Amino acid sequence: MSAARSCDGAAIGTVVDRLRRYAVMSETVYNRIALLRAERHVTRRQLAEALGVHYQTVGYLERGEYSPSLYLALRIAGYFEVPVEVVFSTSPFPRIGERTV
């Protein structure tokens, strides 16, 4: 009986691990802020001033250490004059030059 319990415990542990990974994956917001800044020759400080945030916030966003509020995401997209989905995605963007099937 204890073998069955330990097996069930292992199965539950596996399910919990999968749920944790899914929760982390589903909360990740990918972005192209650095790419858009580079294309337009905009510094982090310039973007931060235009948005009314600290320049380090822009760095945190670019590195994916911080997910923007909907309001901030819309303001960033507006700054670059592109749809929000051009800047942000819940799945990784393809690398430049990478083919998508």
N, C-alpha and C. Protein backbone atom coordinates (compact mmCIF):
# COMPACT_ATOMS: atom_id res chain seq x y z
N MET A 1 0.81 -1.19 0.00
CA MET A 1 0.00 0.00 0.00
C MET A 1 0.86 1.26 0.00
N SER A 2 1.97 1.24 0.72
CA SER A 2 2.81 2.43 0.76
C SER A 2 3.47 2.67 -0.60
N ALA A 3 3.74 1.60 -1.36
CA ALA A 3 4.31 1.78 -2.70
C ALA A 3 3.33 2.52 -3.60
N ALA A 4 2.05 2.20 -3.47
CA ALA A 4 1.03 2.89 -4.27
C ALA A 4 0.95 4.36 -3.88
N ARG A 5 1.06 4.62 -2.60
CA ARG A 5 1.01 6.01 -2.14
C ARG A 5 2.20 6.80 -2.66
N SER A 6 3.39 6.20 -2.62
CA SER A 6 4.57 6.92 -3.09
C SER A 6 4.50 7.14 -4.60
N CYS A 7 3.92 6.19 -5.31
CA CYS A 7 3.73 6.36 -6.75
C CYS A 7 2.76 7.50 -7.02
N ASP A 8 1.66 7.52 -6.27
CA ASP A 8 0.69 8.61 -6.42
C ASP A 8 1.33 9.95 -6.07
N GLY A 9 2.17 9.95 -5.04
CA GLY A 9 2.87 11.17 -4.65
C GLY A 9 3.80 11.65 -5.75
N ALA A 10 4.49 10.71 -6.39
CA ALA A 10 5.38 11.07 -7.50
C ALA A 10 4.58 11.63 -8.67
N ALA A 11 3.44 11.01 -8.95
CA ALA A 11 2.60 11.49 -10.05
C ALA A 11 2.07 12.88 -9.75
N ILE A 12 1.66 13.10 -8.51
CA ILE A 12 1.17 14.42 -8.13
C ILE A 12 2.29 15.45 -8.23
N GLY A 13 3.49 15.05 -7.79
CA GLY A 13 4.64 15.96 -7.90
C GLY A 13 4.92 16.34 -9.34
N THR A 14 4.81 15.38 -10.25
CA THR A 14 5.02 15.65 -11.68
C THR A 14 3.98 16.63 -12.21
N VAL A 15 2.74 16.41 -11.83
CA VAL A 15 1.66 17.31 -12.27
C VAL A 15 1.89 18.72 -11.74
N VAL A 16 2.26 18.82 -10.47
CA VAL A 16 2.52 20.13 -9.87
C VAL A 16 3.67 20.83 -10.59
N ASP A 17 4.75 20.10 -10.89
CA ASP A 17 5.88 20.67 -11.62
C ASP A 17 5.45 21.19 -12.98
N ARG A 18 4.63 20.42 -13.68
CA ARG A 18 4.15 20.85 -15.00
C ARG A 18 3.30 22.10 -14.90
N LEU A 19 2.45 22.15 -13.89
CA LEU A 19 1.60 23.33 -13.70
C LEU A 19 2.44 24.56 -13.39
N ARG A 20 3.47 24.40 -12.59
CA ARG A 20 4.35 25.54 -12.27
C ARG A 20 5.04 26.04 -13.53
N ARG A 21 5.56 25.12 -14.34
CA ARG A 21 6.23 25.53 -15.59
C ARG A 21 5.25 26.24 -16.50
N TYR A 22 4.03 25.71 -16.61
CA TYR A 22 3.01 26.33 -17.45
C TYR A 22 2.67 27.73 -16.94
N ALA A 23 2.54 27.89 -15.64
CA ALA A 23 2.22 29.19 -15.07
C ALA A 23 3.31 30.20 -15.40
N VAL A 24 4.57 29.78 -15.30
CA VAL A 24 5.68 30.68 -15.62
C VAL A 24 5.66 31.01 -17.10
N MET A 25 5.47 30.00 -17.95
CA MET A 25 5.44 30.23 -19.39
C MET A 25 4.29 31.15 -19.78
N SER A 26 3.14 30.95 -19.18
CA SER A 26 1.97 31.73 -19.57
C SER A 26 2.07 33.18 -19.11
N GLU A 27 2.92 33.47 -18.14
CA GLU A 27 3.07 34.83 -17.65
C GLU A 27 4.18 35.58 -18.38
N THR A 28 4.94 34.91 -19.23
CA THR A 28 6.03 35.55 -19.94
C THR A 28 5.49 36.41 -21.07
N VAL A 29 5.97 37.65 -21.11
CA VAL A 29 5.60 38.55 -22.19
C VAL A 29 6.89 38.88 -22.94
N TYR A 30 6.94 38.51 -24.20
CA TYR A 30 8.10 38.78 -25.04
C TYR A 30 7.90 40.14 -25.71
N ASN A 31 9.01 40.80 -26.03
CA ASN A 31 8.87 42.12 -26.64
C ASN A 31 9.99 42.41 -27.62
N ARG A 32 9.75 43.42 -28.41
CA ARG A 32 10.72 43.90 -29.41
C ARG A 32 11.12 45.34 -29.13
N ILE A 33 11.08 45.74 -27.89
CA ILE A 33 11.39 47.14 -27.55
C ILE A 33 12.80 47.50 -27.98
N ALA A 34 13.78 46.67 -27.64
CA ALA A 34 15.17 46.98 -27.98
C ALA A 34 15.36 47.08 -29.49
N LEU A 35 14.72 46.20 -30.24
CA LEU A 35 14.81 46.23 -31.70
C LEU A 35 14.22 47.52 -32.25
N LEU A 36 13.05 47.89 -31.77
CA LEU A 36 12.41 49.12 -32.24
C LEU A 36 13.23 50.34 -31.86
N ARG A 37 13.79 50.34 -30.66
CA ARG A 37 14.63 51.47 -30.25
C ARG A 37 15.85 51.58 -31.16
N ALA A 38 16.49 50.44 -31.44
CA ALA A 38 17.70 50.44 -32.27
C ALA A 38 17.38 50.93 -33.69
N GLU A 39 16.28 50.45 -34.25
CA GLU A 39 15.89 50.87 -35.60
C GLU A 39 15.65 52.37 -35.69
N ARG A 40 15.15 52.94 -34.61
CA ARG A 40 14.77 54.35 -34.62
C ARG A 40 15.79 55.24 -33.90
N HIS A 41 16.89 54.65 -33.49
CA HIS A 41 17.96 55.39 -32.80
C HIS A 41 17.44 56.15 -31.58
N VAL A 42 16.69 55.43 -30.75
CA VAL A 42 16.12 55.99 -29.53
C VAL A 42 16.82 55.34 -28.34
N THR A 43 17.29 56.16 -27.40
CA THR A 43 17.93 55.61 -26.21
C THR A 43 16.87 55.19 -25.19
N ARG A 44 17.32 54.42 -24.22
CA ARG A 44 16.40 54.03 -23.14
C ARG A 44 15.88 55.26 -22.41
N ARG A 45 16.78 56.21 -22.19
CA ARG A 45 16.37 57.43 -21.48
C ARG A 45 15.34 58.22 -22.28
N GLN A 46 15.53 58.32 -23.58
CA GLN A 46 14.57 59.05 -24.40
C GLN A 46 13.19 58.39 -24.36
N LEU A 47 13.17 57.07 -24.49
CA LEU A 47 11.90 56.35 -24.44
C LEU A 47 11.26 56.50 -23.06
N ALA A 48 12.07 56.37 -22.02
CA ALA A 48 11.56 56.49 -20.65
C ALA A 48 10.95 57.87 -20.41
N GLU A 49 11.63 58.91 -20.86
CA GLU A 49 11.10 60.27 -20.69
C GLU A 49 9.77 60.44 -21.41
N ALA A 50 9.67 59.91 -22.62
CA ALA A 50 8.43 60.03 -23.39
C ALA A 50 7.29 59.28 -22.71
N LEU A 51 7.62 58.19 -22.02
CA LEU A 51 6.60 57.36 -21.38
C LEU A 51 6.32 57.78 -19.94
N GLY A 52 7.22 58.59 -19.37
CA GLY A 52 7.06 59.00 -17.98
C GLY A 52 7.44 57.91 -16.99
N VAL A 53 8.43 57.09 -17.37
CA VAL A 53 8.93 56.03 -16.47
C VAL A 53 10.43 56.20 -16.30
N HIS A 54 11.01 55.49 -15.35
CA HIS A 54 12.45 55.52 -15.14
C HIS A 54 13.13 54.74 -16.26
N TYR A 55 14.32 55.18 -16.66
CA TYR A 55 15.00 54.50 -17.77
C TYR A 55 15.31 53.04 -17.45
N GLN A 56 15.50 52.72 -16.17
CA GLN A 56 15.76 51.32 -15.80
C GLN A 56 14.53 50.45 -16.05
N THR A 57 13.35 51.04 -15.97
CA THR A 57 12.13 50.29 -16.26
C THR A 57 12.16 49.79 -17.70
N VAL A 58 12.64 50.62 -18.60
CA VAL A 58 12.75 50.21 -20.01
C VAL A 58 13.69 49.02 -20.13
N GLY A 59 14.80 49.05 -19.42
CA GLY A 59 15.73 47.92 -19.42
C GLY A 59 15.10 46.65 -18.87
N TYR A 60 14.36 46.78 -17.77
CA TYR A 60 13.68 45.62 -17.19
C TYR A 60 12.68 45.03 -18.18
N LEU A 61 11.96 45.89 -18.87
CA LEU A 61 11.00 45.43 -19.87
C LEU A 61 11.71 44.69 -21.00
N GLU A 62 12.78 45.30 -21.52
CA GLU A 62 13.51 44.70 -22.64
C GLU A 62 14.05 43.32 -22.30
N ARG A 63 14.52 43.15 -21.08
CA ARG A 63 15.09 41.87 -20.66
C ARG A 63 14.04 40.87 -20.21
N GLY A 64 12.79 41.28 -20.18
CA GLY A 64 11.72 40.39 -19.76
C GLY A 64 11.66 40.18 -18.26
N GLU A 65 12.31 41.06 -17.50
CA GLU A 65 12.29 40.96 -16.04
C GLU A 65 11.02 41.58 -15.46
N TYR A 66 10.30 42.29 -16.28
CA TYR A 66 9.10 42.98 -15.85
C TYR A 66 8.11 42.95 -17.00
N SER A 67 6.87 42.64 -16.72
CA SER A 67 5.82 42.68 -17.75
C SER A 67 5.06 43.98 -17.61
N PRO A 68 4.83 44.68 -18.70
CA PRO A 68 4.16 45.98 -18.59
C PRO A 68 2.67 45.83 -18.30
N SER A 69 2.13 46.87 -17.71
CA SER A 69 0.67 46.94 -17.59
C SER A 69 0.11 47.11 -19.00
N LEU A 70 -1.16 46.87 -19.16
CA LEU A 70 -1.78 47.08 -20.47
C LEU A 70 -1.62 48.53 -20.89
N TYR A 71 -1.80 49.44 -19.97
CA TYR A 71 -1.67 50.87 -20.26
C TYR A 71 -0.27 51.19 -20.78
N LEU A 72 0.76 50.69 -20.10
CA LEU A 72 2.13 50.97 -20.53
C LEU A 72 2.42 50.30 -21.87
N ALA A 73 1.94 49.09 -22.07
CA ALA A 73 2.15 48.40 -23.35
C ALA A 73 1.54 49.21 -24.50
N LEU A 74 0.35 49.73 -24.29
CA LEU A 74 -0.31 50.54 -25.32
C LEU A 74 0.44 51.84 -25.57
N ARG A 75 0.97 52.43 -24.51
CA ARG A 75 1.74 53.68 -24.67
C ARG A 75 3.04 53.42 -25.44
N ILE A 76 3.70 52.30 -25.17
CA ILE A 76 4.93 51.96 -25.89
C ILE A 76 4.62 51.75 -27.37
N ALA A 77 3.58 51.00 -27.66
CA ALA A 77 3.19 50.78 -29.05
C ALA A 77 2.84 52.11 -29.71
N GLY A 78 2.14 52.97 -29.00
CA GLY A 78 1.79 54.28 -29.53
C GLY A 78 3.02 55.13 -29.81
N TYR A 79 4.01 55.06 -28.94
CA TYR A 79 5.25 55.81 -29.14
C TYR A 79 5.91 55.41 -30.46
N PHE A 80 5.95 54.11 -30.72
CA PHE A 80 6.58 53.62 -31.95
C PHE A 80 5.62 53.61 -33.14
N GLU A 81 4.37 53.99 -32.89
CA GLU A 81 3.34 54.06 -33.94
C GLU A 81 3.15 52.72 -34.65
N VAL A 82 3.05 51.66 -33.86
CA VAL A 82 2.80 50.31 -34.37
C VAL A 82 1.72 49.66 -33.50
N PRO A 83 1.04 48.64 -34.03
CA PRO A 83 0.08 47.91 -33.21
C PRO A 83 0.79 47.23 -32.03
N VAL A 84 0.10 47.09 -30.92
CA VAL A 84 0.70 46.52 -29.72
C VAL A 84 1.26 45.12 -29.97
N GLU A 85 0.62 44.35 -30.86
CA GLU A 85 1.11 42.98 -31.12
C GLU A 85 2.42 42.97 -31.91
N VAL A 86 2.82 44.09 -32.47
CA VAL A 86 4.14 44.18 -33.11
C VAL A 86 5.22 44.26 -32.03
N VAL A 87 4.88 44.85 -30.90
CA VAL A 87 5.85 45.04 -29.82
C VAL A 87 5.84 43.89 -28.82
N PHE A 88 4.66 43.37 -28.50
CA PHE A 88 4.52 42.38 -27.43
C PHE A 88 3.84 41.10 -27.92
N SER A 89 4.25 39.98 -27.30
CA SER A 89 3.65 38.69 -27.63
C SER A 89 3.77 37.75 -26.43
N THR A 90 2.87 36.79 -26.34
CA THR A 90 2.97 35.77 -25.29
C THR A 90 3.78 34.57 -25.75
N SER A 91 4.24 34.58 -27.00
CA SER A 91 5.14 33.53 -27.49
C SER A 91 6.36 34.22 -28.09
N PRO A 92 7.49 33.53 -28.10
CA PRO A 92 8.72 34.16 -28.60
C PRO A 92 8.58 34.60 -30.06
N PHE A 93 9.17 35.74 -30.37
CA PHE A 93 9.20 36.21 -31.74
C PHE A 93 10.25 35.41 -32.50
N PRO A 94 10.03 35.14 -33.79
CA PRO A 94 11.08 34.47 -34.57
C PRO A 94 12.29 35.40 -34.69
N ARG A 95 13.45 34.81 -34.76
CA ARG A 95 14.66 35.62 -34.92
C ARG A 95 14.66 36.24 -36.32
N ILE A 96 15.34 37.35 -36.44
CA ILE A 96 15.43 38.03 -37.73
C ILE A 96 16.09 37.09 -38.73
N GLY A 97 15.49 36.93 -39.89
CA GLY A 97 16.01 36.06 -40.93
C GLY A 97 15.58 34.61 -40.77
N GLU A 98 14.93 34.28 -39.67
CA GLU A 98 14.47 32.91 -39.44
C GLU A 98 13.16 32.70 -40.18
N ARG A 99 13.06 31.59 -40.86
CA ARG A 99 11.84 31.28 -41.62
C ARG A 99 10.78 30.73 -40.69
N THR A 100 9.54 31.12 -40.93
CA THR A 100 8.42 30.53 -40.21
C THR A 100 7.63 29.69 -41.19
N VAL A 101 7.19 28.54 -40.73
CA VAL A 101 6.46 27.62 -41.60
C VAL A 101 4.98 27.77 -41.39
